[in-house]
Amino acid sequence: MFYSAVIVGCGGFIGAVLRFLVGRVMLHYYPNSLVPLGTVSVNLLGCFAIGAIAAYLASFEPNRTGYQLFLITGILGGFTTFSAFGFDILLMLRKSQYLIILSYVMVSVVGGTLLCIAGWSLASKLFR
C-alpha cells in the first residue's frame, strides 16, 4: 500500500507540474483568450493520453498495476481528473450503458457546477 501511494504521489507531482506549465504557456501565447485555454488543453490532452495509455497497457503489459498507478492515477490524475471522467464514459460506452452515461454526465457537470456555486456562496458568507 505504501509503495503504491509513493508511485501515485511521484506521478501526481509530475502531472501537477505539467498542468502548471501548460497553463502558463497557454496564458503566455494567448493572454486575452475568453476561454480558459490552459484548462481546456490539459483536459483534452489528458483524455487522449488516458485512452492511449490504457490501450497500450491492456495490450502489451501483462503486469500493469505499477505502470497504471504511475501513469494514469499519478501523472494524469495530477494533470487532469477530466481524463478519468472521459475514460469512465468510454468504458460505459463499450458496455452500451447509455442511461448510466447520461446520469453520470448530468450529475458530474450540473452537480459539480452547483456545488462550486454552493461552496463559493458559503465561503463568501463565512469569510467576509
Protein backbone atom coordinates (compact mmCIF):
# COMPACT_ATOMS: atom_id res chain seq x y z
CA MET A 1 0.00 0.00 0.00
CA PHE A 2 2.75 2.48 0.92
CA TYR A 3 4.71 1.65 -2.23
CA SER A 4 1.60 2.25 -4.36
CA ALA A 5 0.98 5.58 -2.65
CA VAL A 6 4.56 6.67 -3.35
CA ILE A 7 4.22 5.70 -7.02
CA VAL A 8 0.96 7.67 -7.32
CA GLY A 9 2.46 10.63 -5.45
CA CYS A 10 5.53 10.79 -7.70
CA GLY A 11 3.34 10.64 -10.79
CA GLY A 12 0.98 13.22 -9.30
CA PHE A 13 3.85 15.62 -8.75
CA ILE A 14 4.89 15.30 -12.39
CA GLY A 15 1.30 15.72 -13.61
CA ALA A 16 0.67 18.78 -11.46
CA VAL A 17 3.87 20.45 -12.68
CA LEU A 18 2.95 19.66 -16.29
CA ARG A 19 -0.53 21.11 -15.74
CA PHE A 20 1.01 24.30 -14.33
CA LEU A 21 3.42 24.58 -17.27
CA VAL A 22 0.73 24.04 -19.91
CA GLY A 23 -1.41 26.69 -18.22
CA ARG A 24 1.47 29.17 -18.19
CA VAL A 25 2.37 28.50 -21.82
CA MET A 26 -1.23 28.99 -22.96
CA LEU A 27 -1.53 32.18 -20.92
CA HIS A 28 1.74 33.46 -22.39
CA TYR A 29 0.71 32.84 -26.01
CA TYR A 30 -3.00 33.67 -25.63
CA PRO A 31 -3.21 36.24 -22.83
CA ASN A 32 -6.54 37.71 -23.96
CA SER A 33 -8.42 34.48 -24.60
CA LEU A 34 -12.00 34.45 -23.36
CA VAL A 35 -11.79 30.67 -22.87
CA PRO A 36 -9.51 29.15 -20.18
CA LEU A 37 -7.22 27.55 -22.77
CA GLY A 38 -4.90 26.03 -20.17
CA THR A 39 -7.74 24.05 -18.63
CA VAL A 40 -9.21 23.07 -22.00
CA SER A 41 -5.76 21.99 -23.21
CA VAL A 42 -4.95 19.77 -20.23
CA ASN A 43 -8.42 18.23 -20.26
CA LEU A 44 -8.25 17.34 -23.95
CA LEU A 45 -4.62 16.20 -23.82
CA GLY A 46 -5.38 14.16 -20.72
CA CYS A 47 -8.34 12.44 -22.39
CA PHE A 48 -6.23 11.49 -25.39
CA ALA A 49 -3.38 10.31 -23.17
CA ILE A 50 -5.54 8.17 -20.89
CA GLY A 51 -7.10 6.42 -23.87
CA ALA A 52 -3.74 5.76 -25.49
CA ILE A 53 -2.01 4.66 -22.28
CA ALA A 54 -4.89 2.41 -21.19
CA ALA A 55 -4.99 0.73 -24.61
CA TYR A 56 -1.23 0.24 -24.60
CA LEU A 57 -1.19 -1.20 -21.09
CA ALA A 58 -4.11 -3.51 -21.85
CA SER A 59 -2.34 -4.82 -24.96
CA PHE A 60 1.31 -5.00 -24.00
CA GLU A 61 1.79 -5.04 -20.24
CA PRO A 62 0.65 -8.25 -18.52
CA ASN A 63 1.53 -6.91 -15.06
CA ARG A 64 0.44 -3.31 -15.48
CA THR A 65 -0.53 -2.27 -11.96
CA GLY A 66 2.61 -0.22 -11.26
CA TYR A 67 2.53 1.42 -14.67
CA GLN A 68 -1.17 2.15 -14.34
CA LEU A 69 -0.73 3.68 -10.88
CA PHE A 70 2.16 5.87 -12.02
CA LEU A 71 0.92 6.93 -15.46
CA ILE A 72 -2.86 7.01 -15.13
CA THR A 73 -3.62 7.59 -11.46
CA GLY A 74 -0.46 9.60 -10.76
CA ILE A 75 0.59 11.66 -13.78
CA LEU A 76 -2.81 12.00 -15.43
CA GLY A 77 -4.53 12.36 -12.05
CA GLY A 78 -2.24 15.29 -11.27
CA PHE A 79 -2.56 16.65 -14.80
CA THR A 80 -6.36 16.41 -15.02
CA THR A 81 -9.13 14.36 -13.45
CA PHE A 82 -11.25 15.11 -16.50
CA SER A 83 -9.33 12.38 -18.30
CA ALA A 84 -10.64 9.86 -15.77
CA PHE A 85 -14.16 11.19 -16.38
CA GLY A 86 -13.74 10.71 -20.13
CA PHE A 87 -12.30 7.22 -19.64
CA ASP A 88 -15.18 6.22 -17.35
CA ILE A 89 -17.58 7.23 -20.12
CA LEU A 90 -15.56 5.26 -22.69
CA LEU A 91 -15.81 2.14 -20.52
CA MET A 92 -19.58 2.62 -20.17
CA LEU A 93 -19.94 3.19 -23.94
CA ARG A 94 -18.21 -0.12 -24.57
CA LYS A 95 -20.92 -1.75 -22.43
CA SER A 96 -23.74 0.27 -24.08
CA GLN A 97 -24.73 1.78 -20.72
CA TYR A 98 -26.27 4.92 -22.23
CA LEU A 99 -28.67 5.80 -19.41
CA ILE A 100 -25.88 5.46 -16.85
CA ILE A 101 -23.66 7.71 -19.03
CA LEU A 102 -26.37 10.36 -19.21
CA SER A 103 -26.84 10.23 -15.43
CA TYR A 104 -23.10 10.33 -14.81
CA VAL A 105 -22.59 13.33 -17.09
CA MET A 106 -25.52 15.23 -15.62
CA VAL A 107 -24.55 14.56 -12.02
CA SER A 108 -20.89 15.36 -12.69
CA VAL A 109 -21.33 18.52 -14.76
CA VAL A 110 -24.50 20.02 -13.31
CA GLY A 111 -23.89 18.74 -9.78
CA GLY A 112 -20.25 19.83 -9.85
CA THR A 113 -21.19 23.31 -11.06
CA LEU A 114 -23.93 23.68 -8.46
CA LEU A 115 -21.57 22.54 -5.70
CA CYS A 116 -18.95 25.06 -6.86
CA ILE A 117 -21.61 27.77 -6.60
CA ALA A 118 -22.68 26.49 -3.17
CA GLY A 119 -19.10 26.33 -1.91
CA TRP A 120 -18.38 29.83 -3.18
CA SER A 121 -21.57 31.18 -1.65
CA LEU A 122 -20.95 29.54 1.72
CA ALA A 123 -17.30 30.60 1.92
CA SER A 124 -18.20 34.14 0.86
CA LYS A 125 -20.62 34.40 3.78
CA LEU A 126 -18.30 32.73 6.31
CA PHE A 127 -15.11 34.59 5.45
CA ARG A 128 -16.25 38.17 4.99
